[in-house]
């Protein structure tokens, strides 16, 4: 990410909405690697930016960041009570039947392996993971899905899909074994809907993936 300005889709006194490129970490990138948080702090010439949602480093897509603590609190509440709507495009191996439905599981995060996994009900430390999916297109043994994320667990989309035999294209960590022409994961946070943290006006943005791993499929 050479210039944060190229990624910004919307900005006002309360928040920034940007299109995070694939491969850019949200926080704590380490020495020599720019992360989104530091890029925003440098751009704003300030000491505070509120991270109210996260995307895995290989994943691209829409993110909202708060400029004030008041805005961060309001946006966090929207994320917790479901008023903030996040939808993704995901390209997976396999054919899903039925063509739309809901995946509901219990998940845990393994701190050592930095992986999530689906576990039986009543497992200690498990949390509910829920998403709604819809098949948009199919080609060459792969399916393009729209995912409506209803909870926000660690690697949730990747885990819930791979646990059912539908790994994301490019996701070697969770079982993808096919060939690919470009590096990265075929997952994009393409739609974000929220209510402005000050005016409470409903706002919505949509993007198309820039990553080369997505095929030219009509959505």
C-alpha atoms as a PDB file:
ATOM      1  CA  UNK A   1       0.000   0.000   0.000  1.00  0.00           C
ATOM      2  CA  UNK A   2       1.933   2.991  -1.302  1.00  0.00           C
ATOM      3  CA  UNK A   3      -0.652   5.715  -0.716  1.00  0.00           C
ATOM      4  CA  UNK A   4      -3.589   5.486   1.678  1.00  0.00           C
ATOM      5  CA  UNK A   5      -5.415   8.224  -0.255  1.00  0.00           C
ATOM      6  CA  UNK A   6      -5.859   5.795  -3.156  1.00  0.00           C
ATOM      7  CA  UNK A   7      -7.713   3.412  -0.821  1.00  0.00           C
ATOM      8  CA  UNK A   8     -10.074   5.910   0.822  1.00  0.00           C
ATOM      9  CA  UNK A   9     -13.669   5.718  -0.401  1.00  0.00           C
ATOM     10  CA  UNK A  10     -15.296   8.025   2.156  1.00  0.00           C
ATOM     11  CA  UNK A  11     -14.015  10.356   4.862  1.00  0.00           C
ATOM     12  CA  UNK A  12     -15.503  12.903   7.240  1.00  0.00           C
ATOM     13  CA  UNK A  13     -14.763  14.231  10.738  1.00  0.00           C
ATOM     14  CA  UNK A  14     -15.913  10.985  12.367  1.00  0.00           C
ATOM     15  CA  UNK A  15     -14.713   8.068  10.247  1.00  0.00           C
ATOM     16  CA  UNK A  16     -12.820   6.750   7.241  1.00  0.00           C
ATOM     17  CA  UNK A  17     -14.064   4.007   4.927  1.00  0.00           C
ATOM     18  CA  UNK A  18     -11.345   2.428   2.817  1.00  0.00           C
ATOM     19  CA  UNK A  19     -10.707  -0.449   0.417  1.00  0.00           C
ATOM     20  CA  UNK A  20      -7.956  -2.466   2.112  1.00  0.00           C
ATOM     21  CA  UNK A  21      -5.736  -4.163  -0.478  1.00  0.00           C
ATOM     22  CA  UNK A  22      -4.976  -7.897  -0.121  1.00  0.00           C
ATOM     23  CA  UNK A  23      -1.751  -8.552   1.761  1.00  0.00           C
ATOM     24  CA  UNK A  24      -1.956  -5.446   3.966  1.00  0.00           C
ATOM     25  CA  UNK A  25      -2.333  -6.233   7.694  1.00  0.00           C
ATOM     26  CA  UNK A  26      -4.756  -4.192   9.784  1.00  0.00           C
ATOM     27  CA  UNK A  27      -2.439  -3.911  12.795  1.00  0.00           C
ATOM     28  CA  UNK A  28       0.972  -4.929  14.133  1.00  0.00           C
ATOM     29  CA  UNK A  29       2.687  -5.637  10.841  1.00  0.00           C
ATOM     30  CA  UNK A  30       6.169  -5.612  12.390  1.00  0.00           C
ATOM     31  CA  UNK A  31       9.321  -3.782  11.412  1.00  0.00           C
ATOM     32  CA  UNK A  32       9.494  -2.760   7.767  1.00  0.00           C
ATOM     33  CA  UNK A  33       5.861  -3.548   6.889  1.00  0.00           C
ATOM     34  CA  UNK A  34       3.175  -0.870   6.778  1.00  0.00           C
ATOM     35  CA  UNK A  35      -0.155  -1.806   8.343  1.00  0.00           C
ATOM     36  CA  UNK A  36      -3.494  -0.047   7.885  1.00  0.00           C
ATOM     37  CA  UNK A  37      -3.551   1.414  11.392  1.00  0.00           C
ATOM     38  CA  UNK A  38      -0.143   3.064  10.995  1.00  0.00           C
ATOM     39  CA  UNK A  39      -0.996   4.270   7.495  1.00  0.00           C
ATOM     40  CA  UNK A  40      -4.109   6.009   8.862  1.00  0.00           C
ATOM     41  CA  UNK A  41      -2.215   7.571  11.766  1.00  0.00           C
ATOM     42  CA  UNK A  42       0.410   8.904   9.372  1.00  0.00           C
ATOM     43  CA  UNK A  43      -2.223  10.199   6.959  1.00  0.00           C
ATOM     44  CA  UNK A  44      -4.228  11.969   9.669  1.00  0.00           C
ATOM     45  CA  UNK A  45      -1.169  13.154  11.597  1.00  0.00           C
ATOM     46  CA  UNK A  46      -2.814  12.050  14.830  1.00  0.00           C
ATOM     47  CA  UNK A  47      -2.275   9.606  17.688  1.00  0.00           C
ATOM     48  CA  UNK A  48      -5.687   7.913  17.589  1.00  0.00           C
ATOM     49  CA  UNK A  49      -7.556   5.777  15.090  1.00  0.00           C
ATOM     50  CA  UNK A  50     -10.267   3.348  16.160  1.00  0.00           C
ATOM     51  CA  UNK A  51     -10.187  -0.181  14.726  1.00  0.00           C
ATOM     52  CA  UNK A  52     -13.814  -1.305  14.836  1.00  0.00           C
ATOM     53  CA  UNK A  53     -13.630  -4.284  12.453  1.00  0.00           C
ATOM     54  CA  UNK A  54     -10.900  -6.543  11.110  1.00  0.00           C
ATOM     55  CA  UNK A  55      -9.956  -8.341   7.922  1.00  0.00           C
ATOM     56  CA  UNK A  56      -7.329 -11.079   7.699  1.00  0.00           C
ATOM     57  CA  UNK A  57      -4.112  -9.900   6.073  1.00  0.00           C
ATOM     58  CA  UNK A  58      -4.653 -11.825   2.774  1.00  0.00           C
ATOM     59  CA  UNK A  59      -8.244 -10.555   2.469  1.00  0.00           C
ATOM     60  CA  UNK A  60      -9.202  -7.361   0.648  1.00  0.00           C
ATOM     61  CA  UNK A  61     -12.250  -5.243   1.090  1.00  0.00           C
ATOM     62  CA  UNK A  62     -14.172  -2.476   2.799  1.00  0.00           C
ATOM     63  CA  UNK A  63     -13.252  -1.369   6.300  1.00  0.00           C
ATOM     64  CA  UNK A  64     -14.462   1.474   8.499  1.00  0.00           C
ATOM     65  CA  UNK A  65     -12.122   3.147  10.980  1.00  0.00           C
ATOM     66  CA  UNK A  66     -13.173   5.713  13.593  1.00  0.00           C
ATOM     67  CA  UNK A  67     -11.463   9.063  13.987  1.00  0.00           C
ATOM     68  CA  UNK A  68     -12.797   9.651  17.509  1.00  0.00           C
ATOM     69  CA  UNK A  69     -13.413   7.469  20.547  1.00  0.00           C
ATOM     70  CA  UNK A  70     -17.077   8.457  20.515  1.00  0.00           C
ATOM     71  CA  UNK A  71     -17.448   7.295  16.910  1.00  0.00           C
ATOM     72  CA  UNK A  72     -15.558   4.090  17.705  1.00  0.00           C
ATOM     73  CA  UNK A  73     -17.935   3.305  20.564  1.00  0.00           C
ATOM     74  CA  UNK A  74     -21.004   3.824  18.395  1.00  0.00           C
ATOM     75  CA  UNK A  75     -19.627   1.779  15.484  1.00  0.00           C
ATOM     76  CA  UNK A  76     -18.588  -1.015  17.846  1.00  0.00           C
ATOM     77  CA  UNK A  77     -22.137  -1.124  19.210  1.00  0.00           C
ATOM     78  CA  UNK A  78     -23.476  -1.433  15.666  1.00  0.00           C
ATOM     79  CA  UNK A  79     -21.141  -4.354  15.059  1.00  0.00           C
ATOM     80  CA  UNK A  80     -22.308  -6.085  18.208  1.00  0.00           C
ATOM     81  CA  UNK A  81     -26.049  -5.560  17.780  1.00  0.00           C
ATOM     82  CA  UNK A  82     -26.145  -6.428  14.077  1.00  0.00           C
ATOM     83  CA  UNK A  83     -26.889  -2.973  12.651  1.00  0.00           C
ATOM     84  CA  UNK A  84     -23.581  -3.011  10.794  1.00  0.00           C
ATOM     85  CA  UNK A  85     -23.980  -5.340   7.809  1.00  0.00           C
ATOM     86  CA  UNK A  86     -20.936  -6.962   6.189  1.00  0.00           C
ATOM     87  CA  UNK A  87     -21.157  -8.992   2.996  1.00  0.00           C
ATOM     88  CA  UNK A  88     -18.377 -10.837   1.206  1.00  0.00           C
ATOM     89  CA  UNK A  89     -17.639 -12.430  -2.147  1.00  0.00           C
ATOM     90  CA  UNK A  90     -15.977 -15.821  -1.799  1.00  0.00           C
ATOM     91  CA  UNK A  91     -14.748 -18.212  -4.487  1.00  0.00           C
ATOM     92  CA  UNK A  92     -14.653 -21.818  -3.256  1.00  0.00           C
ATOM     93  CA  UNK A  93     -13.970 -25.288  -4.568  1.00  0.00           C
ATOM     94  CA  UNK A  94     -17.069 -27.402  -5.030  1.00  0.00           C
ATOM     95  CA  UNK A  95     -20.795 -27.229  -5.699  1.00  0.00           C
ATOM     96  CA  UNK A  96     -23.068 -26.135  -2.852  1.00  0.00           C
ATOM     97  CA  UNK A  97     -26.477 -27.706  -2.475  1.00  0.00           C
ATOM     98  CA  UNK A  98     -28.838 -26.076  -1.654  1.00  0.00           C
ATOM     99  CA  UNK A  99     -27.784 -22.949  -3.493  1.00  0.00           C
ATOM    100  CA  UNK A 100     -28.497 -20.782  -0.466  1.00  0.00           C
ATOM    101  CA  UNK A 101     -28.735 -21.361   3.243  1.00  0.00           C
ATOM    102  CA  UNK A 102     -27.274 -20.761   6.698  1.00  0.00           C
ATOM    103  CA  UNK A 103     -24.198 -22.288   8.322  1.00  0.00           C
ATOM    104  CA  UNK A 104     -24.350 -22.320  12.114  1.00  0.00           C
ATOM    105  CA  UNK A 105     -21.560 -23.822  14.210  1.00  0.00           C
ATOM    106  CA  UNK A 106     -19.630 -23.611  17.438  1.00  0.00           C
ATOM    107  CA  UNK A 107     -16.039 -22.437  16.941  1.00  0.00           C
ATOM    108  CA  UNK A 108     -12.852 -22.095  18.956  1.00  0.00           C
ATOM    109  CA  UNK A 109      -9.547 -20.380  18.221  1.00  0.00           C
ATOM    110  CA  UNK A 110      -6.274 -22.287  18.661  1.00  0.00           C
ATOM    111  CA  UNK A 111      -3.731 -19.749  19.848  1.00  0.00           C
ATOM    112  CA  UNK A 112      -0.724 -21.917  19.003  1.00  0.00           C
ATOM    113  CA  UNK A 113      -1.583 -22.649  15.396  1.00  0.00           C
ATOM    114  CA  UNK A 114      -3.430 -19.355  14.877  1.00  0.00           C
ATOM    115  CA  UNK A 115      -6.301 -21.306  13.352  1.00  0.00           C
ATOM    116  CA  UNK A 116      -9.999 -21.580  14.070  1.00  0.00           C
ATOM    117  CA  UNK A 117     -11.974 -24.801  14.047  1.00  0.00           C
ATOM    118  CA  UNK A 118     -15.532 -26.071  14.311  1.00  0.00           C
ATOM    119  CA  UNK A 119     -16.179 -28.045  17.516  1.00  0.00           C
ATOM    120  CA  UNK A 120     -19.085 -29.986  19.052  1.00  0.00           C
ATOM    121  CA  UNK A 121     -21.724 -28.089  21.038  1.00  0.00           C
ATOM    122  CA  UNK A 122     -20.874 -27.318  24.680  1.00  0.00           C
ATOM    123  CA  UNK A 123     -17.108 -27.391  24.023  1.00  0.00           C
ATOM    124  CA  UNK A 124     -15.326 -25.216  26.572  1.00  0.00           C
ATOM    125  CA  UNK A 125     -14.571 -21.765  25.196  1.00  0.00           C
ATOM    126  CA  UNK A 126     -16.612 -22.266  22.026  1.00  0.00           C
ATOM    127  CA  UNK A 127     -18.612 -19.404  20.526  1.00  0.00           C
ATOM    128  CA  UNK A 128     -21.458 -19.392  18.030  1.00  0.00           C
ATOM    129  CA  UNK A 129     -20.513 -18.757  14.395  1.00  0.00           C
ATOM    130  CA  UNK A 130     -23.274 -17.997  11.918  1.00  0.00           C
ATOM    131  CA  UNK A 131     -23.356 -16.895   8.292  1.00  0.00           C
ATOM    132  CA  UNK A 132     -25.787 -16.878   5.393  1.00  0.00           C
ATOM    133  CA  UNK A 133     -24.608 -17.834   1.889  1.00  0.00           C
ATOM    134  CA  UNK A 134     -25.977 -17.614  -1.644  1.00  0.00           C
ATOM    135  CA  UNK A 135     -24.456 -19.077  -4.816  1.00  0.00           C
ATOM    136  CA  UNK A 136     -24.023 -16.376  -7.463  1.00  0.00           C
ATOM    137  CA  UNK A 137     -22.249 -18.328 -10.215  1.00  0.00           C
ATOM    138  CA  UNK A 138     -20.502 -21.630 -10.920  1.00  0.00           C
ATOM    139  CA  UNK A 139     -17.668 -22.475 -13.279  1.00  0.00           C
ATOM    140  CA  UNK A 140     -15.053 -25.207 -13.571  1.00  0.00           C
ATOM    141  CA  UNK A 141     -15.956 -26.954 -10.341  1.00  0.00           C
ATOM    142  CA  UNK A 142     -15.870 -23.716  -8.357  1.00  0.00           C
ATOM    143  CA  UNK A 143     -18.644 -21.586  -6.872  1.00  0.00           C
ATOM    144  CA  UNK A 144     -18.812 -17.834  -6.351  1.00  0.00           C
ATOM    145  CA  UNK A 145     -20.721 -17.062  -3.171  1.00  0.00           C
ATOM    146  CA  UNK A 146     -22.166 -14.032  -1.480  1.00  0.00           C
ATOM    147  CA  UNK A 147     -21.641 -14.342   2.268  1.00  0.00           C
ATOM    148  CA  UNK A 148     -23.629 -12.358   4.819  1.00  0.00           C
ATOM    149  CA  UNK A 149     -21.596 -12.560   8.016  1.00  0.00           C
ATOM    150  CA  UNK A 150     -23.880 -12.697  11.051  1.00  0.00           C
ATOM    151  CA  UNK A 151     -21.193 -13.140  13.718  1.00  0.00           C
ATOM    152  CA  UNK A 152     -17.532 -12.153  13.773  1.00  0.00           C
ATOM    153  CA  UNK A 153     -15.322 -15.062  14.786  1.00  0.00           C
ATOM    154  CA  UNK A 154     -11.632 -15.620  14.042  1.00  0.00           C
ATOM    155  CA  UNK A 155     -11.213 -16.804  10.413  1.00  0.00           C
ATOM    156  CA  UNK A 156     -14.944 -17.565  10.507  1.00  0.00           C
ATOM    157  CA  UNK A 157     -15.753 -17.687   6.792  1.00  0.00           C
ATOM    158  CA  UNK A 158     -12.619 -19.670   6.022  1.00  0.00           C
ATOM    159  CA  UNK A 159     -13.311 -22.188   8.805  1.00  0.00           C
ATOM    160  CA  UNK A 160     -17.028 -22.714   8.226  1.00  0.00           C
ATOM    161  CA  UNK A 161     -16.604 -23.233   4.487  1.00  0.00           C
ATOM    162  CA  UNK A 162     -13.549 -25.501   4.733  1.00  0.00           C
ATOM    163  CA  UNK A 163     -15.159 -27.625   7.470  1.00  0.00           C
ATOM    164  CA  UNK A 164     -17.852 -28.551   4.935  1.00  0.00           C
ATOM    165  CA  UNK A 165     -15.407 -29.340   2.151  1.00  0.00           C
ATOM    166  CA  UNK A 166     -15.526 -25.960   0.378  1.00  0.00           C
ATOM    167  CA  UNK A 167     -12.132 -24.326   0.961  1.00  0.00           C
ATOM    168  CA  UNK A 168     -11.553 -20.827  -0.342  1.00  0.00           C
ATOM    169  CA  UNK A 169      -9.481 -20.719  -3.510  1.00  0.00           C
ATOM    170  CA  UNK A 170      -5.936 -19.935  -2.422  1.00  0.00           C
ATOM    171  CA  UNK A 171      -6.462 -20.805   1.238  1.00  0.00           C
ATOM    172  CA  UNK A 172      -3.687 -23.371   1.786  1.00  0.00           C
ATOM    173  CA  UNK A 173      -4.015 -22.945   5.555  1.00  0.00           C
ATOM    174  CA  UNK A 174      -7.522 -24.390   5.480  1.00  0.00           C
ATOM    175  CA  UNK A 175      -7.189 -27.132   2.922  1.00  0.00           C
ATOM    176  CA  UNK A 176      -7.182 -25.642  -0.587  1.00  0.00           C
ATOM    177  CA  UNK A 177      -5.099 -27.939  -2.829  1.00  0.00           C
ATOM    178  CA  UNK A 178      -5.847 -26.708  -6.332  1.00  0.00           C
ATOM    179  CA  UNK A 179      -3.832 -24.593  -8.699  1.00  0.00           C
ATOM    180  CA  UNK A 180      -4.058 -20.814  -8.758  1.00  0.00           C
ATOM    181  CA  UNK A 181      -2.702 -18.133 -11.063  1.00  0.00           C
ATOM    182  CA  UNK A 182      -2.196 -15.465  -8.393  1.00  0.00           C
ATOM    183  CA  UNK A 183      -1.310 -15.314  -4.715  1.00  0.00           C
ATOM    184  CA  UNK A 184      -3.903 -14.487  -2.092  1.00  0.00           C
ATOM    185  CA  UNK A 185      -7.313 -15.615  -0.896  1.00  0.00           C
ATOM    186  CA  UNK A 186     -10.458 -15.392  -3.004  1.00  0.00           C
ATOM    187  CA  UNK A 187     -12.354 -13.471  -0.347  1.00  0.00           C
ATOM    188  CA  UNK A 188     -13.438  -9.841  -0.531  1.00  0.00           C
ATOM    189  CA  UNK A 189     -15.506  -7.746   1.891  1.00  0.00           C
ATOM    190  CA  UNK A 190     -17.439  -6.131  -0.937  1.00  0.00           C
ATOM    191  CA  UNK A 191     -20.416  -4.497   0.809  1.00  0.00           C
ATOM    192  CA  UNK A 192     -20.629  -2.487   4.029  1.00  0.00           C
ATOM    193  CA  UNK A 193     -23.773  -0.932   5.471  1.00  0.00           C
ATOM    194  CA  UNK A 194     -23.867   1.097   8.680  1.00  0.00           C
ATOM    195  CA  UNK A 195     -25.437   4.079  10.367  1.00  0.00           C
ATOM    196  CA  UNK A 196     -23.338   7.204  10.610  1.00  0.00           C
ATOM    197  CA  UNK A 197     -21.955   7.410  14.172  1.00  0.00           C
ATOM    198  CA  UNK A 198     -23.074  11.034  14.551  1.00  0.00           C
ATOM    199  CA  UNK A 199     -26.097  11.678  12.300  1.00  0.00           C
ATOM    200  CA  UNK A 200     -27.365   8.057  12.321  1.00  0.00           C
ATOM    201  CA  UNK A 201     -27.962   8.336   8.569  1.00  0.00           C
ATOM    202  CA  UNK A 202     -27.916   4.935   6.853  1.00  0.00           C
ATOM    203  CA  UNK A 203     -24.871   4.590   4.569  1.00  0.00           C
ATOM    204  CA  UNK A 204     -23.791   1.809   2.226  1.00  0.00           C
ATOM    205  CA  UNK A 205     -20.784   1.133  -0.026  1.00  0.00           C
ATOM    206  CA  UNK A 206     -19.995  -1.611  -2.553  1.00  0.00           C
ATOM    207  CA  UNK A 207     -16.764  -2.455  -4.371  1.00  0.00           C
ATOM    208  CA  UNK A 208     -15.501  -5.066  -6.811  1.00  0.00           C
ATOM    209  CA  UNK A 209     -12.421  -7.156  -5.999  1.00  0.00           C
ATOM    210  CA  UNK A 210      -9.117  -5.863  -7.324  1.00  0.00           C
ATOM    211  CA  UNK A 211      -7.192  -9.022  -6.451  1.00  0.00           C
ATOM    212  CA  UNK A 212      -6.126 -11.098  -9.448  1.00  0.00           C
ATOM    213  CA  UNK A 213      -7.249 -14.337  -7.794  1.00  0.00           C
ATOM    214  CA  UNK A 214     -10.922 -13.629  -8.561  1.00  0.00           C
ATOM    215  CA  UNK A 215     -12.058 -14.685 -12.045  1.00  0.00           C
ATOM    216  CA  UNK A 216     -14.015 -12.392 -14.322  1.00  0.00           C
ATOM    217  CA  UNK A 217     -17.426 -13.668 -13.212  1.00  0.00           C
ATOM    218  CA  UNK A 218     -20.525 -11.543 -13.589  1.00  0.00           C
ATOM    219  CA  UNK A 219     -22.175 -10.863 -10.231  1.00  0.00           C
END
